[in-house]
Amino acid sequence: MKEQLISVIIADRPYRLSVASEEEEQTLRKASQVINKNLQEYADNYAFRDKQDLLAMVILQFGVELLKMEKAYQYQEPLKEKLLNIDKLINDYLEKD
């Protein structure tokens, strides 16, 4: 698929984006749906002056989630290395027999 332009709507505003694949297009469309859903949840539950307030809260929410995932990943990487070492030791042992 060659690059094509798509349009997504976030906070009632259209944004034209260039995508290189169907997978990228699906990801962008899904992301815009998640953002709009979160915006609506904040609008329904909190007082706000304008959509910028809602967008700021959604961005903050995503930032917190990203930092939590990065922290969890930091703990997984050393574990992955240890498991790979154990796997190698087991394979080396089994190959000797």
N, C-alpha and C. Protein backbone atom coordinates (compact mmCIF):
# COMPACT_ATOMS: atom_id res chain seq x y z
N MET A 1 0.85 -1.17 0.00
CA MET A 1 0.00 0.00 0.00
C MET A 1 0.89 1.24 0.00
N LYS A 2 0.70 2.10 -0.96
CA LYS A 2 1.46 3.34 -0.95
C LYS A 2 0.83 4.32 0.02
N GLU A 3 1.58 5.35 0.38
CA GLU A 3 1.05 6.31 1.35
C GLU A 3 -0.24 6.93 0.85
N GLN A 4 -1.16 7.07 1.78
CA GLN A 4 -2.43 7.71 1.45
C GLN A 4 -2.84 8.61 2.60
N LEU A 5 -3.71 9.54 2.32
CA LEU A 5 -4.22 10.44 3.34
C LEU A 5 -5.51 9.90 3.91
N ILE A 6 -5.60 9.97 5.23
CA ILE A 6 -6.85 9.60 5.90
C ILE A 6 -7.25 10.79 6.78
N SER A 7 -8.46 10.76 7.25
CA SER A 7 -8.94 11.80 8.14
C SER A 7 -9.47 11.13 9.40
N VAL A 8 -9.03 11.63 10.54
CA VAL A 8 -9.57 11.17 11.82
C VAL A 8 -10.11 12.40 12.55
N ILE A 9 -11.09 12.17 13.39
CA ILE A 9 -11.70 13.26 14.15
C ILE A 9 -11.38 13.07 15.62
N ILE A 10 -10.79 14.11 16.20
CA ILE A 10 -10.48 14.11 17.63
C ILE A 10 -11.06 15.39 18.21
N ALA A 11 -11.88 15.24 19.22
CA ALA A 11 -12.52 16.38 19.89
C ALA A 11 -13.27 17.25 18.88
N ASP A 12 -13.99 16.58 18.00
CA ASP A 12 -14.82 17.24 16.99
C ASP A 12 -14.04 18.02 15.94
N ARG A 13 -12.74 17.77 15.84
CA ARG A 13 -11.93 18.44 14.82
C ARG A 13 -11.30 17.39 13.92
N PRO A 14 -11.39 17.58 12.61
CA PRO A 14 -10.77 16.62 11.68
C PRO A 14 -9.27 16.87 11.54
N TYR A 15 -8.54 15.78 11.43
CA TYR A 15 -7.09 15.84 11.21
C TYR A 15 -6.75 14.91 10.06
N ARG A 16 -6.06 15.45 9.07
CA ARG A 16 -5.64 14.65 7.92
C ARG A 16 -4.23 14.13 8.20
N LEU A 17 -4.08 12.84 8.03
CA LEU A 17 -2.80 12.18 8.33
C LEU A 17 -2.40 11.31 7.15
N SER A 18 -1.11 11.17 6.97
CA SER A 18 -0.58 10.31 5.94
C SER A 18 -0.21 8.97 6.56
N VAL A 19 -0.67 7.87 5.95
CA VAL A 19 -0.37 6.53 6.47
C VAL A 19 0.29 5.71 5.38
N ALA A 20 1.15 4.78 5.81
CA ALA A 20 1.89 3.96 4.86
C ALA A 20 1.32 2.55 4.73
N SER A 21 0.45 2.15 5.66
CA SER A 21 -0.08 0.79 5.59
C SER A 21 -1.48 0.74 6.20
N GLU A 22 -2.18 -0.34 5.89
CA GLU A 22 -3.52 -0.53 6.48
C GLU A 22 -3.42 -0.70 7.99
N GLU A 23 -2.36 -1.36 8.43
CA GLU A 23 -2.17 -1.56 9.87
C GLU A 23 -2.00 -0.21 10.58
N GLU A 24 -1.22 0.69 9.98
CA GLU A 24 -1.04 2.01 10.56
C GLU A 24 -2.37 2.78 10.58
N GLU A 25 -3.13 2.66 9.51
CA GLU A 25 -4.43 3.32 9.44
C GLU A 25 -5.35 2.80 10.55
N GLN A 26 -5.41 1.48 10.71
CA GLN A 26 -6.27 0.90 11.74
C GLN A 26 -5.84 1.36 13.13
N THR A 27 -4.53 1.42 13.34
CA THR A 27 -4.01 1.86 14.64
C THR A 27 -4.40 3.30 14.92
N LEU A 28 -4.25 4.17 13.93
CA LEU A 28 -4.61 5.58 14.11
C LEU A 28 -6.11 5.74 14.35
N ARG A 29 -6.91 5.00 13.61
CA ARG A 29 -8.36 5.10 13.79
C ARG A 29 -8.78 4.60 15.18
N LYS A 30 -8.18 3.50 15.61
CA LYS A 30 -8.47 2.96 16.94
C LYS A 30 -8.04 3.95 18.02
N ALA A 31 -6.86 4.55 17.85
CA ALA A 31 -6.37 5.52 18.83
C ALA A 31 -7.31 6.72 18.93
N SER A 32 -7.78 7.20 17.79
CA SER A 32 -8.68 8.35 17.82
C SER A 32 -10.00 7.98 18.50
N GLN A 33 -10.46 6.74 18.31
CA GLN A 33 -11.69 6.30 18.98
C GLN A 33 -11.49 6.24 20.50
N VAL A 34 -10.34 5.73 20.92
CA VAL A 34 -10.04 5.65 22.36
C VAL A 34 -9.96 7.05 22.96
N ILE A 35 -9.29 7.95 22.26
CA ILE A 35 -9.18 9.34 22.74
C ILE A 35 -10.56 9.96 22.87
N ASN A 36 -11.38 9.82 21.84
CA ASN A 36 -12.72 10.41 21.88
C ASN A 36 -13.58 9.80 22.98
N LYS A 37 -13.45 8.51 23.20
CA LYS A 37 -14.19 7.84 24.28
C LYS A 37 -13.77 8.40 25.63
N ASN A 38 -12.45 8.55 25.83
CA ASN A 38 -11.96 9.10 27.09
C ASN A 38 -12.38 10.55 27.27
N LEU A 39 -12.36 11.32 26.19
CA LEU A 39 -12.83 12.70 26.25
C LEU A 39 -14.29 12.75 26.71
N GLN A 40 -15.11 11.88 26.15
CA GLN A 40 -16.53 11.86 26.51
C GLN A 40 -16.71 11.46 27.97
N GLU A 41 -15.92 10.50 28.45
CA GLU A 41 -16.02 10.09 29.85
C GLU A 41 -15.66 11.25 30.78
N TYR A 42 -14.59 11.97 30.45
CA TYR A 42 -14.24 13.13 31.28
C TYR A 42 -15.33 14.20 31.20
N ALA A 43 -15.88 14.44 30.01
CA ALA A 43 -16.93 15.45 29.84
C ALA A 43 -18.16 15.09 30.67
N ASP A 44 -18.47 13.79 30.72
CA ASP A 44 -19.65 13.34 31.46
C ASP A 44 -19.46 13.42 32.98
N ASN A 45 -18.22 13.32 33.44
CA ASN A 45 -17.98 13.18 34.88
C ASN A 45 -17.36 14.40 35.56
N TYR A 46 -16.81 15.34 34.79
CA TYR A 46 -16.12 16.46 35.41
C TYR A 46 -16.55 17.78 34.78
N ALA A 47 -16.46 18.84 35.57
CA ALA A 47 -16.73 20.18 35.05
C ALA A 47 -15.50 20.64 34.27
N PHE A 48 -15.75 21.31 33.16
CA PHE A 48 -14.64 21.80 32.34
C PHE A 48 -15.05 23.09 31.65
N ARG A 49 -14.04 23.90 31.32
CA ARG A 49 -14.33 25.16 30.64
C ARG A 49 -14.39 24.96 29.13
N ASP A 50 -13.43 24.20 28.60
CA ASP A 50 -13.43 23.94 27.16
C ASP A 50 -12.76 22.59 26.90
N LYS A 51 -12.73 22.22 25.64
CA LYS A 51 -12.20 20.90 25.29
C LYS A 51 -10.70 20.77 25.58
N GLN A 52 -10.01 21.90 25.64
CA GLN A 52 -8.59 21.85 25.97
C GLN A 52 -8.39 21.23 27.35
N ASP A 53 -9.26 21.56 28.30
CA ASP A 53 -9.18 20.96 29.64
C ASP A 53 -9.33 19.44 29.55
N LEU A 54 -10.29 19.00 28.75
CA LEU A 54 -10.52 17.56 28.59
C LEU A 54 -9.31 16.89 27.92
N LEU A 55 -8.80 17.52 26.87
CA LEU A 55 -7.63 16.97 26.17
C LEU A 55 -6.44 16.86 27.11
N ALA A 56 -6.24 17.87 27.96
CA ALA A 56 -5.13 17.83 28.92
C ALA A 56 -5.28 16.64 29.86
N MET A 57 -6.48 16.38 30.33
CA MET A 57 -6.70 15.26 31.24
C MET A 57 -6.48 13.92 30.55
N VAL A 58 -6.93 13.80 29.30
CA VAL A 58 -6.73 12.56 28.55
C VAL A 58 -5.24 12.33 28.30
N ILE A 59 -4.51 13.39 27.94
CA ILE A 59 -3.06 13.27 27.72
C ILE A 59 -2.38 12.86 29.02
N LEU A 60 -2.78 13.45 30.13
CA LEU A 60 -2.20 13.09 31.42
C LEU A 60 -2.46 11.62 31.73
N GLN A 61 -3.68 11.17 31.49
CA GLN A 61 -4.03 9.76 31.71
C GLN A 61 -3.15 8.84 30.87
N PHE A 62 -2.99 9.16 29.58
CA PHE A 62 -2.14 8.33 28.72
C PHE A 62 -0.69 8.37 29.16
N GLY A 63 -0.23 9.54 29.61
CA GLY A 63 1.15 9.66 30.08
C GLY A 63 1.41 8.77 31.30
N VAL A 64 0.47 8.77 32.23
CA VAL A 64 0.60 7.93 33.43
C VAL A 64 0.62 6.46 33.03
N GLU A 65 -0.28 6.06 32.14
CA GLU A 65 -0.32 4.66 31.69
C GLU A 65 0.98 4.27 31.00
N LEU A 66 1.52 5.15 30.18
CA LEU A 66 2.78 4.87 29.49
C LEU A 66 3.92 4.70 30.49
N LEU A 67 4.01 5.57 31.47
CA LEU A 67 5.07 5.46 32.48
C LEU A 67 4.94 4.17 33.29
N LYS A 68 3.72 3.77 33.60
CA LYS A 68 3.52 2.50 34.32
C LYS A 68 3.98 1.32 33.48
N MET A 69 3.66 1.35 32.18
CA MET A 69 4.08 0.27 31.29
C MET A 69 5.60 0.23 31.14
N GLU A 70 6.22 1.40 31.03
CA GLU A 70 7.68 1.45 30.93
C GLU A 70 8.33 0.88 32.18
N LYS A 71 7.78 1.21 33.34
CA LYS A 71 8.31 0.71 34.60
C LYS A 71 8.18 -0.81 34.67
N ALA A 72 7.04 -1.34 34.27
CA ALA A 72 6.83 -2.79 34.26
C ALA A 72 7.79 -3.46 33.30
N TYR A 73 8.04 -2.83 32.15
CA TYR A 73 8.95 -3.41 31.16
C TYR A 73 10.38 -3.46 31.70
N GLN A 74 10.78 -2.46 32.48
CA GLN A 74 12.13 -2.44 33.06
C GLN A 74 12.36 -3.68 33.92
N TYR A 75 11.32 -4.12 34.63
CA TYR A 75 11.45 -5.29 35.48
C TYR A 75 11.43 -6.57 34.66
N GLN A 76 10.78 -6.55 33.51
CA GLN A 76 10.68 -7.76 32.69
C GLN A 76 11.97 -8.06 31.94
N GLU A 77 12.71 -7.03 31.53
CA GLU A 77 13.90 -7.23 30.72
C GLU A 77 14.97 -8.06 31.44
N PRO A 78 15.33 -7.76 32.70
CA PRO A 78 16.31 -8.61 33.39
C PRO A 78 15.79 -10.04 33.56
N LEU A 79 14.51 -10.21 33.80
CA LEU A 79 13.93 -11.54 33.94
C LEU A 79 14.04 -12.30 32.62
N LYS A 80 13.78 -11.63 31.52
CA LYS A 80 13.90 -12.26 30.21
C LYS A 80 15.32 -12.75 29.98
N GLU A 81 16.31 -11.93 30.32
CA GLU A 81 17.71 -12.33 30.15
C GLU A 81 18.04 -13.55 31.01
N LYS A 82 17.57 -13.56 32.25
CA LYS A 82 17.82 -14.70 33.13
C LYS A 82 17.19 -15.97 32.57
N LEU A 83 15.96 -15.86 32.06
CA LEU A 83 15.29 -17.03 31.49
C LEU A 83 16.02 -17.54 30.24
N LEU A 84 16.51 -16.62 29.42
CA LEU A 84 17.28 -17.04 28.25
C LEU A 84 18.56 -17.75 28.66
N ASN A 85 19.22 -17.27 29.71
CA ASN A 85 20.43 -17.93 30.21
C ASN A 85 20.12 -19.32 30.75
N ILE A 86 19.02 -19.44 31.48
CA ILE A 86 18.62 -20.76 32.00
C ILE A 86 18.31 -21.70 30.84
N ASP A 87 17.59 -21.20 29.84
CA ASP A 87 17.28 -22.00 28.66
C ASP A 87 18.55 -22.48 27.97
N LYS A 88 19.52 -21.61 27.84
CA LYS A 88 20.79 -21.98 27.21
C LYS A 88 21.50 -23.04 28.03
N LEU A 89 21.52 -22.87 29.34
CA LEU A 89 22.17 -23.87 30.20
C LEU A 89 21.49 -25.23 30.07
N ILE A 90 20.18 -25.25 30.04
CA ILE A 90 19.44 -26.51 29.89
C ILE A 90 19.75 -27.14 28.53
N ASN A 91 19.70 -26.34 27.48
CA ASN A 91 20.00 -26.87 26.15
C ASN A 91 21.42 -27.40 26.07
N ASP A 92 22.38 -26.68 26.64
CA ASP A 92 23.77 -27.14 26.64
C ASP A 92 23.89 -28.47 27.38
N TYR A 93 23.21 -28.59 28.51
CA TYR A 93 23.25 -29.81 29.29
C TYR A 93 22.64 -30.99 28.51
N LEU A 94 21.51 -30.75 27.87
CA LEU A 94 20.83 -31.81 27.12
C LEU A 94 21.64 -32.22 25.88
N GLU A 95 22.37 -31.31 25.29
CA GLU A 95 23.18 -31.63 24.12
C GLU A 95 24.38 -32.49 24.48
N LYS A 96 24.83 -32.42 25.73
CA LYS A 96 25.98 -33.23 26.17
C LYS A 96 25.62 -34.70 26.24
N ASP A 97 24.39 -35.00 26.52
CA ASP A 97 23.98 -36.42 26.67
C ASP A 97 23.77 -37.09 25.37
